[in-house]
Amino acid sequence: MTEYVNQLSGGTPLIGAPPAGAEAAVWSLDTTLAEVGGFRLDDALPVLDAAERERAGRLVRPGDRQRYLASHLGLRVLLGGYLGLAPQEVALTREDCPCCGAPHGRPAVAGGGLHFSLSHSGDLAYFAFAAVTVGIDVEAVPGAAAVADVMTSLHPAETAELAALPGEERRVALARVWSRKEAYLKGTGAGLAFGLADPYIGAGPAPAQVPGWLLRDLAAPPGYGAALALAVRH
């Protein structure tokens, strides 16, 4: 199933109630916009916290800084809307890393209440919000060199599926499988610590399902693949 994606624009968004149960709210953003969710990027720094401002200050290239400010401003606008807070009042923290236990794991809202995930690629950002653990990823369709570099890092069955496709289809399929796998790994909090081989998620038209998770492809513009991973409570 392909999930519907809301679009966050320059104006103030109509956000609605936070998602409940096994549902997720998904948004996309064109990070080249000069205004996001009713806030101008020129005025974004006071909305961010100290860690976000420090990170933005270390980005030398204007395009990187623009994308960072737009995506984090958008995240705060949406979190604030769901939580009933002003964007600058949203307190962000980090969960403990599932690999080493240190506090540099999955980003979270201090005090809980809503799970979220953020991803950006090129000039596009995706956001997911849920009552359960969630991961999201968007990937631009890679070039042939990137395909060759990444293919052998995947599950052997995924590598075989990609190898069976002609060049252009292979590039599109890699964006698809990469976004599915990254969404799942962001959801678990492990990231790339254990590599990309496991679990098998598949490069075909629909993702293979992983126990304890619901994987969905997301609608995306031409030239991108996007996916969502949602924890299943039993």
Foldseek 3Di string as FASTA:
>chain_A
DADEEAEWDQAADDQDEAAADQDKHKYKYQLVDQGTNPRGLVPQVLLDDPVLNVVLVPDDDPVVSSNSSRQLSNVLSNVCVNVVHHSSPFAKFAAQAPVPRHRPFAIATVPHPKEKEWEDEDRMIMMMIYNFQKFKYKYFQDDPVVLVVCLVQEAPVQSVVLVVDPDVLSSVLVLALVGQQQGVCSSVRNGCVPTHHPDQFHSDPATDDDPQWDKHWYDDPPRMTMIMITGHDD
